[in-house]
Amino acid sequence: MPAHSASAIVERLHSAGLNLSLAPTGGLAVAPSSHLTEDLRALIRSSKAQLIDWLTAANDAASHAPDPPDDPVDWKELAAAYHAHHFNCPTCIAAGRGSRYGQRCGAGMALWRVYCD
């Protein structure tokens, strides 16, 4: 099997309706498992370390999300702060597709809650 970039693999998995996240034990979690085919399972197995590194780097970048504005009245600033994070975080992008794709990351959830309030 030819080597693929982690982002290409993630895109292929997302287009198959799968959400990737880091498992609490440090492994890789893929959901929903009902969407997995043997080809996708083989791709995930052969790229597991690469995918874990990619997700770790994405989560590290997400943890540097901008702080929400001091004045919560300005919803445009709140929206901009959330969107600046969301569109650079694969976990939040997947969560934005629906609850079956997983939860937002910690930074994304904090920004989302402030924005929604």
C-alpha atoms as a PDB file:
ATOM      1  CA  MET A   1       0.000   0.000   0.000  1.00  0.00           C
ATOM      2  CA  PRO A   2       1.509   3.384  -0.952  1.00  0.00           C
ATOM      3  CA  ALA A   3       2.257   5.880   1.786  1.00  0.00           C
ATOM      4  CA  HIS A   4      -0.274   8.701   2.124  1.00  0.00           C
ATOM      5  CA  SER A   5      -0.088  11.938   4.064  1.00  0.00           C
ATOM      6  CA  ALA A   6      -1.992  11.965   7.333  1.00  0.00           C
ATOM      7  CA  SER A   7      -4.235  14.786   6.113  1.00  0.00           C
ATOM      8  CA  ALA A   8      -5.156  12.775   2.991  1.00  0.00           C
ATOM      9  CA  ILE A   9      -5.991   9.761   5.153  1.00  0.00           C
ATOM     10  CA  VAL A  10      -8.071  11.885   7.531  1.00  0.00           C
ATOM     11  CA  GLU A  11      -9.931  13.404   4.585  1.00  0.00           C
ATOM     12  CA  ARG A  12     -10.649   9.941   3.182  1.00  0.00           C
ATOM     13  CA  LEU A  13     -11.940   8.751   6.557  1.00  0.00           C
ATOM     14  CA  HIS A  14     -14.063  11.878   7.044  1.00  0.00           C
ATOM     15  CA  SER A  15     -15.565  11.465   3.576  1.00  0.00           C
ATOM     16  CA  ALA A  16     -16.538   7.922   4.642  1.00  0.00           C
ATOM     17  CA  GLY A  17     -18.425   9.474   7.584  1.00  0.00           C
ATOM     18  CA  LEU A  18     -15.824   8.582  10.208  1.00  0.00           C
ATOM     19  CA  ASN A  19     -14.591  10.724  13.080  1.00  0.00           C
ATOM     20  CA  LEU A  20     -11.079  10.313  14.438  1.00  0.00           C
ATOM     21  CA  SER A  21     -10.047  11.272  17.935  1.00  0.00           C
ATOM     22  CA  LEU A  22      -7.411  10.412  20.478  1.00  0.00           C
ATOM     23  CA  ALA A  23      -8.573   7.765  22.919  1.00  0.00           C
ATOM     24  CA  PRO A  24      -8.075   8.489  26.629  1.00  0.00           C
ATOM     25  CA  THR A  25      -5.512   5.669  26.719  1.00  0.00           C
ATOM     26  CA  GLY A  26      -3.422   7.441  24.063  1.00  0.00           C
ATOM     27  CA  GLY A  27      -4.613   5.306  21.179  1.00  0.00           C
ATOM     28  CA  LEU A  28      -6.856   6.110  18.266  1.00  0.00           C
ATOM     29  CA  ALA A  29     -10.662   6.142  18.396  1.00  0.00           C
ATOM     30  CA  VAL A  30     -12.687   5.844  15.191  1.00  0.00           C
ATOM     31  CA  ALA A  31     -16.465   6.238  15.130  1.00  0.00           C
ATOM     32  CA  PRO A  32     -18.968   5.127  14.094  1.00  0.00           C
ATOM     33  CA  SER A  33     -17.545   1.654  13.687  1.00  0.00           C
ATOM     34  CA  SER A  34     -20.500   0.674  11.506  1.00  0.00           C
ATOM     35  CA  HIS A  35     -18.973   2.762   8.688  1.00  0.00           C
ATOM     36  CA  LEU A  36     -15.680   0.863   8.724  1.00  0.00           C
ATOM     37  CA  THR A  37     -14.893  -1.400   5.796  1.00  0.00           C
ATOM     38  CA  GLU A  38     -12.027  -3.867   5.635  1.00  0.00           C
ATOM     39  CA  ASP A  39     -10.107  -1.460   3.360  1.00  0.00           C
ATOM     40  CA  LEU A  40     -10.574   1.401   5.816  1.00  0.00           C
ATOM     41  CA  ARG A  41      -9.578  -0.809   8.753  1.00  0.00           C
ATOM     42  CA  ALA A  42      -6.387  -1.786   6.904  1.00  0.00           C
ATOM     43  CA  LEU A  43      -5.660   1.869   6.092  1.00  0.00           C
ATOM     44  CA  ILE A  44      -6.132   2.875   9.736  1.00  0.00           C
ATOM     45  CA  ARG A  45      -3.980   0.010  11.019  1.00  0.00           C
ATOM     46  CA  SER A  46      -1.147   0.796   8.605  1.00  0.00           C
ATOM     47  CA  SER A  47      -1.256   4.524   9.450  1.00  0.00           C
ATOM     48  CA  LYS A  48      -2.097   4.413  13.148  1.00  0.00           C
ATOM     49  CA  ALA A  49       1.079   6.066  14.464  1.00  0.00           C
ATOM     50  CA  GLN A  50       0.949   8.714  11.735  1.00  0.00           C
ATOM     51  CA  LEU A  51      -2.716   9.483  12.536  1.00  0.00           C
ATOM     52  CA  ILE A  52      -2.038   9.711  16.275  1.00  0.00           C
ATOM     53  CA  ASP A  53       0.823  12.160  15.615  1.00  0.00           C
ATOM     54  CA  TRP A  54      -1.423  14.228  13.307  1.00  0.00           C
ATOM     55  CA  LEU A  55      -4.264  14.383  15.855  1.00  0.00           C
ATOM     56  CA  THR A  56      -1.852  15.237  18.669  1.00  0.00           C
ATOM     57  CA  ALA A  57      -0.398  18.112  16.646  1.00  0.00           C
ATOM     58  CA  ALA A  58      -3.892  19.332  15.711  1.00  0.00           C
ATOM     59  CA  ASN A  59      -4.998  19.252  19.351  1.00  0.00           C
ATOM     60  CA  ASP A  60      -1.832  21.075  20.432  1.00  0.00           C
ATOM     61  CA  ALA A  61      -2.557  23.791  17.864  1.00  0.00           C
ATOM     62  CA  ALA A  62      -6.169  23.940  19.030  1.00  0.00           C
ATOM     63  CA  SER A  63      -5.094  24.530  22.614  1.00  0.00           C
ATOM     64  CA  HIS A  64      -3.626  27.874  21.454  1.00  0.00           C
ATOM     65  CA  ALA A  65      -7.030  29.155  20.380  1.00  0.00           C
ATOM     66  CA  PRO A  66      -7.677  32.854  20.929  1.00  0.00           C
ATOM     67  CA  ASP A  67      -9.356  33.891  24.155  1.00  0.00           C
ATOM     68  CA  PRO A  68     -12.959  35.015  23.843  1.00  0.00           C
ATOM     69  CA  PRO A  69     -13.505  38.781  23.979  1.00  0.00           C
ATOM     70  CA  ASP A  70     -14.061  40.490  27.338  1.00  0.00           C
ATOM     71  CA  ASP A  71     -17.371  42.033  26.223  1.00  0.00           C
ATOM     72  CA  PRO A  72     -19.771  39.131  25.559  1.00  0.00           C
ATOM     73  CA  VAL A  73     -22.318  41.539  24.072  1.00  0.00           C
ATOM     74  CA  ASP A  74     -20.460  41.627  20.773  1.00  0.00           C
ATOM     75  CA  TRP A  75     -21.517  38.296  19.238  1.00  0.00           C
ATOM     76  CA  LYS A  76     -19.498  39.006  16.109  1.00  0.00           C
ATOM     77  CA  GLU A  77     -16.286  38.875  18.115  1.00  0.00           C
ATOM     78  CA  LEU A  78     -17.444  35.681  19.815  1.00  0.00           C
ATOM     79  CA  ALA A  79     -18.266  34.146  16.433  1.00  0.00           C
ATOM     80  CA  ALA A  80     -14.891  35.183  15.023  1.00  0.00           C
ATOM     81  CA  ALA A  81     -13.052  33.687  18.012  1.00  0.00           C
ATOM     82  CA  TYR A  82     -14.923  30.395  17.675  1.00  0.00           C
ATOM     83  CA  HIS A  83     -14.536  30.230  13.885  1.00  0.00           C
ATOM     84  CA  ALA A  84     -10.801  30.988  14.105  1.00  0.00           C
ATOM     85  CA  HIS A  85     -10.486  27.870  16.225  1.00  0.00           C
ATOM     86  CA  HIS A  86     -13.100  25.676  14.544  1.00  0.00           C
ATOM     87  CA  PHE A  87     -11.759  25.849  10.998  1.00  0.00           C
ATOM     88  CA  ASN A  88      -8.283  24.830  12.169  1.00  0.00           C
ATOM     89  CA  CYS A  89      -9.353  21.960  14.437  1.00  0.00           C
ATOM     90  CA  PRO A  90     -10.257  18.624  12.822  1.00  0.00           C
ATOM     91  CA  THR A  91     -12.027  17.487  16.003  1.00  0.00           C
ATOM     92  CA  CYS A  92     -14.326  20.524  16.017  1.00  0.00           C
ATOM     93  CA  ILE A  93     -14.871  20.327  12.267  1.00  0.00           C
ATOM     94  CA  ALA A  94     -16.059  16.744  12.672  1.00  0.00           C
ATOM     95  CA  ALA A  95     -18.239  17.670  15.665  1.00  0.00           C
ATOM     96  CA  GLY A  96     -19.812  20.413  13.586  1.00  0.00           C
ATOM     97  CA  ARG A  97     -21.079  17.739  11.200  1.00  0.00           C
ATOM     98  CA  GLY A  98     -23.240  16.231  13.947  1.00  0.00           C
ATOM     99  CA  SER A  99     -23.084  14.525  17.317  1.00  0.00           C
ATOM    100  CA  ARG A 100     -22.462  11.115  15.765  1.00  0.00           C
ATOM    101  CA  TYR A 101     -19.015  12.390  14.691  1.00  0.00           C
ATOM    102  CA  GLY A 102     -17.857  13.142  18.226  1.00  0.00           C
ATOM    103  CA  GLN A 103     -17.533  16.059  20.610  1.00  0.00           C
ATOM    104  CA  ARG A 104     -15.672  19.346  20.200  1.00  0.00           C
ATOM    105  CA  CYS A 105     -12.214  19.529  21.773  1.00  0.00           C
ATOM    106  CA  GLY A 106     -11.854  21.290  25.131  1.00  0.00           C
ATOM    107  CA  ALA A 107     -10.848  24.674  23.684  1.00  0.00           C
ATOM    108  CA  GLY A 108     -13.536  24.466  21.007  1.00  0.00           C
ATOM    109  CA  MET A 109     -16.240  23.565  23.517  1.00  0.00           C
ATOM    110  CA  ALA A 110     -15.271  26.491  25.752  1.00  0.00           C
ATOM    111  CA  LEU A 111     -15.431  28.920  22.827  1.00  0.00           C
ATOM    112  CA  TRP A 112     -18.695  27.356  21.600  1.00  0.00           C
ATOM    113  CA  ARG A 113     -20.379  27.724  24.999  1.00  0.00           C
ATOM    114  CA  VAL A 114     -19.372  31.384  25.327  1.00  0.00           C
ATOM    115  CA  TYR A 115     -20.608  32.028  21.774  1.00  0.00           C
ATOM    116  CA  CYS A 116     -23.934  30.248  22.389  1.00  0.00           C
ATOM    117  CA  ASP A 117     -24.538  32.070  25.680  1.00  0.00           C
END
